[in-house]
Amino acid sequence: MDLITFELELAFRKEGCPVCRLRSRDEARYISSFLWEFVNDPGIRVHLVNALGFCREHAWLRWLRLNSASHPHVAFPAGLVPSEGCRVCQIGRKTEQTLEWLVKHCAEEEFRGWYRASDGLCLPHLRGAHEIAESQKTRVFLIDTAEEKLGTLAGQLREYLRKHNWDYRDEPKLSEEQSSWIRAVEFFVGKP
């Protein structure tokens, strides 16, 4: 088994879209590496200056990771338009290429089993997978699996809403019902 397949298999075992999970993991790893190992690397500093720092999302993630540590001072280049993109976003986009690997391996029955047992892809990654898939069989598999998972999620959302009605407030609220609303958001927009 190759490394990407192994990483996907592990991601399938956890909650949420496996591609979002791997992207978040790799972005967090890069920020940690940046803060602890590469903050003084000249090449990385040049890229950071040219990109005018990190994007909004990753600047705050960096800030939260720094907690109260001091920041190195970096002068702005001429103009306020970055000449390069956020490095963390670039790492994330590279990780999203895992989607191509996932689609390719959907032809294998064992891989399909792992995928079925997972939460499946979020809608943005499902769209991407659908576009990448060369086989109609793979497209149908991905869509059918998503429909099954959405059917289950819809039932959990209905129960979540019903149990928040005054008349049913004393019924036990299951954890999958309690988390259904956030999983619905994650499905439609992905997970940061």
Protein backbone atom coordinates (compact mmCIF):
# COMPACT_ATOMS: atom_id res chain seq x y z
CA MET A 1 0.00 0.00 0.00
CA ASP A 2 1.38 3.43 -0.93
CA LEU A 3 1.52 6.39 1.46
CA ILE A 4 -1.38 8.36 -0.02
CA THR A 5 -3.70 5.35 0.11
CA PHE A 6 -2.62 4.71 3.71
CA GLU A 7 -3.29 8.34 4.69
CA LEU A 8 -6.70 8.26 3.01
CA GLU A 9 -7.59 5.00 4.75
CA LEU A 10 -6.76 6.61 8.11
CA ALA A 11 -8.71 9.77 7.20
CA PHE A 12 -11.73 7.65 6.22
CA ARG A 13 -11.84 6.34 9.80
CA LYS A 14 -12.28 9.81 11.23
CA GLU A 15 -15.18 12.21 11.17
CA GLY A 16 -15.75 14.50 8.20
CA CYS A 17 -14.48 14.86 4.65
CA PRO A 18 -11.17 13.00 4.33
CA VAL A 19 -9.70 15.56 1.92
CA CYS A 20 -10.62 18.47 4.21
CA ARG A 21 -9.09 16.56 7.12
CA LEU A 22 -5.81 15.98 5.27
CA ARG A 23 -5.71 19.58 4.04
CA SER A 24 -6.25 20.96 7.57
CA ARG A 25 -3.60 18.60 8.93
CA ASP A 26 -1.02 19.63 6.33
CA GLU A 27 -1.76 23.35 6.77
CA ALA A 28 -1.40 23.03 10.55
CA ARG A 29 1.85 21.08 10.11
CA TYR A 30 3.23 23.79 7.83
CA ILE A 31 2.36 26.55 10.29
CA SER A 32 3.94 24.60 13.13
CA SER A 33 7.07 23.96 11.04
CA PHE A 34 7.17 27.61 10.04
CA LEU A 35 6.96 28.77 13.65
CA TRP A 36 9.47 26.30 15.07
CA GLU A 37 11.87 25.53 12.23
CA PHE A 38 11.64 27.88 9.25
CA VAL A 39 10.84 31.32 10.64
CA ASN A 40 14.40 32.48 9.87
CA ASP A 41 14.77 30.64 6.54
CA PRO A 42 15.61 33.33 3.94
CA GLY A 43 13.66 31.67 1.10
CA ILE A 44 10.55 31.29 3.19
CA ARG A 45 10.86 34.84 4.50
CA VAL A 46 11.13 36.19 0.92
CA HIS A 47 7.99 34.26 -0.04
CA LEU A 48 6.21 35.59 3.07
CA VAL A 49 7.19 39.18 2.22
CA ASN A 50 6.11 38.78 -1.43
CA ALA A 51 2.78 37.31 -0.34
CA LEU A 52 2.31 40.10 2.22
CA GLY A 53 2.12 37.47 4.93
CA PHE A 54 -0.53 34.82 5.22
CA CYS A 55 -4.12 35.06 3.98
CA ARG A 56 -6.77 36.14 6.50
CA GLU A 57 -7.66 32.60 7.58
CA HIS A 58 -4.10 31.42 8.02
CA ALA A 59 -2.87 34.63 9.64
CA TRP A 60 -5.37 34.06 12.45
CA LEU A 61 -4.46 30.40 12.67
CA ARG A 62 -0.82 31.46 12.93
CA TRP A 63 -1.73 34.01 15.61
CA LEU A 64 -3.60 31.41 17.65
CA ARG A 65 -0.64 29.04 17.42
CA LEU A 66 1.79 31.74 18.46
CA ASN A 67 -0.38 32.53 21.46
CA SER A 68 1.64 35.38 22.93
CA ALA A 69 5.03 34.77 21.29
CA SER A 70 6.80 37.71 19.68
CA HIS A 71 6.61 38.23 15.92
CA PRO A 72 9.56 38.89 13.60
CA HIS A 73 9.28 42.28 11.90
CA VAL A 74 9.07 42.03 8.11
CA ALA A 75 8.97 45.17 5.95
CA PHE A 76 6.28 45.45 3.27
CA PRO A 77 7.39 45.39 -0.34
CA ALA A 78 6.49 48.32 -2.56
CA GLY A 79 2.74 48.38 -3.14
CA LEU A 80 0.04 46.53 -1.30
CA VAL A 81 -0.65 43.77 -3.82
CA PRO A 82 1.09 40.49 -2.99
CA SER A 83 3.26 39.05 -5.72
CA GLU A 84 2.83 35.53 -4.31
CA GLY A 85 -0.02 33.69 -2.62
CA CYS A 86 -0.32 32.52 0.96
CA ARG A 87 2.09 29.60 1.43
CA VAL A 88 -0.30 27.76 3.72
CA CYS A 89 -3.04 27.96 1.07
CA GLN A 90 -0.57 26.59 -1.46
CA ILE A 91 0.20 23.65 0.84
CA GLY A 92 -3.55 23.07 1.26
CA ARG A 93 -4.19 23.11 -2.49
CA LYS A 94 -1.35 20.66 -3.02
CA THR A 95 -2.89 18.34 -0.43
CA GLU A 96 -6.23 18.58 -2.23
CA GLN A 97 -4.58 16.78 -5.13
CA THR A 98 -5.23 13.74 -2.92
CA LEU A 99 -8.70 13.96 -4.41
CA GLU A 100 -7.35 12.70 -7.75
CA TRP A 101 -5.85 9.71 -5.95
CA LEU A 102 -9.11 9.04 -4.14
CA VAL A 103 -11.09 9.08 -7.39
CA LYS A 104 -8.59 6.80 -9.12
CA HIS A 105 -8.75 4.23 -6.32
CA CYS A 106 -12.56 4.18 -6.20
CA ALA A 107 -12.28 1.44 -8.83
CA GLU A 108 -10.92 -0.91 -6.13
CA GLU A 109 -13.50 -2.72 -4.02
CA GLU A 110 -11.48 -2.58 -0.78
CA PHE A 111 -11.01 1.18 -1.21
CA ARG A 112 -14.74 1.59 -1.87
CA GLY A 113 -15.43 -0.19 1.42
CA TRP A 114 -13.21 2.24 3.31
CA TYR A 115 -14.91 5.15 1.58
CA ARG A 116 -18.42 3.85 2.34
CA ALA A 117 -17.50 3.49 6.02
CA SER A 118 -16.29 7.11 6.14
CA ASP A 119 -18.37 10.30 6.27
CA GLY A 120 -17.60 10.78 2.57
CA LEU A 121 -16.58 13.96 0.79
CA CYS A 122 -17.91 17.44 1.45
CA LEU A 123 -19.87 18.99 -1.42
CA PRO A 124 -16.97 21.07 -2.81
CA HIS A 125 -14.73 17.98 -2.93
CA LEU A 126 -17.58 15.82 -4.23
CA ARG A 127 -18.02 18.26 -7.13
CA GLY A 128 -14.30 18.13 -7.80
CA ALA A 129 -14.26 14.33 -7.66
CA HIS A 130 -17.21 14.18 -10.04
CA GLU A 131 -15.34 16.37 -12.54
CA ILE A 132 -12.12 14.36 -12.25
CA ALA A 133 -13.75 10.92 -12.50
CA GLU A 134 -13.25 9.40 -15.91
CA SER A 135 -15.54 6.46 -15.21
CA GLN A 136 -19.32 6.77 -15.02
CA LYS A 137 -19.23 3.90 -12.51
CA THR A 138 -17.04 5.99 -10.18
CA ARG A 139 -19.30 9.04 -10.55
CA VAL A 140 -22.39 6.95 -9.73
CA PHE A 141 -20.62 5.38 -6.73
CA LEU A 142 -19.64 8.79 -5.31
CA ILE A 143 -23.10 10.31 -5.84
CA ASP A 144 -24.97 7.25 -4.51
CA THR A 145 -22.77 7.17 -1.42
CA ALA A 146 -23.31 10.91 -0.86
CA GLU A 147 -27.09 10.46 -1.20
CA GLU A 148 -27.07 7.66 1.40
CA LYS A 149 -25.05 9.76 3.83
CA LEU A 150 -27.25 12.82 3.25
CA GLY A 151 -30.36 10.72 3.87
CA THR A 152 -28.97 9.62 7.22
CA LEU A 153 -27.93 13.18 8.06
CA ALA A 154 -31.39 14.53 7.12
CA GLY A 155 -32.99 12.04 9.52
CA GLN A 156 -30.64 13.11 12.30
CA LEU A 157 -31.42 16.78 11.59
CA ARG A 158 -35.16 16.09 11.78
CA GLU A 159 -34.69 14.39 15.15
CA TYR A 160 -32.49 17.26 16.36
CA LEU A 161 -35.24 19.74 15.49
CA ARG A 162 -38.04 17.56 16.84
CA LYS A 163 -36.29 17.04 20.18
CA HIS A 164 -35.85 20.79 20.53
CA ASN A 165 -39.63 21.18 20.38
CA TRP A 166 -41.05 21.82 23.85
CA ASP A 167 -43.25 18.70 23.74
CA TYR A 168 -40.27 16.39 23.17
CA ARG A 169 -37.62 18.20 25.20
CA ASP A 170 -37.25 15.36 27.71
CA GLU A 171 -36.37 12.72 25.11
CA PRO A 172 -32.70 11.73 25.13
CA LYS A 173 -30.66 13.59 22.52
CA LEU A 174 -28.19 11.33 20.75
CA SER A 175 -24.69 12.64 20.01
CA GLU A 176 -25.13 12.15 16.24
CA GLU A 177 -28.31 14.24 16.41
CA GLN A 178 -26.61 16.94 18.48
CA SER A 179 -23.75 17.23 15.96
CA SER A 180 -25.96 16.92 12.87
CA TRP A 181 -26.33 20.66 12.27
CA ILE A 182 -22.56 21.27 12.23
CA ARG A 183 -22.00 18.21 10.01
CA ALA A 184 -24.58 19.60 7.59
CA VAL A 185 -22.65 22.89 7.39
CA GLU A 186 -19.40 20.95 6.93
CA PHE A 187 -20.94 18.95 4.09
CA PHE A 188 -22.05 22.03 2.15
CA VAL A 189 -18.94 24.20 2.61
CA GLY A 190 -16.15 21.86 3.72
CA LYS A 191 -14.22 22.06 6.94
CA PRO A 192 -11.52 24.64 7.58
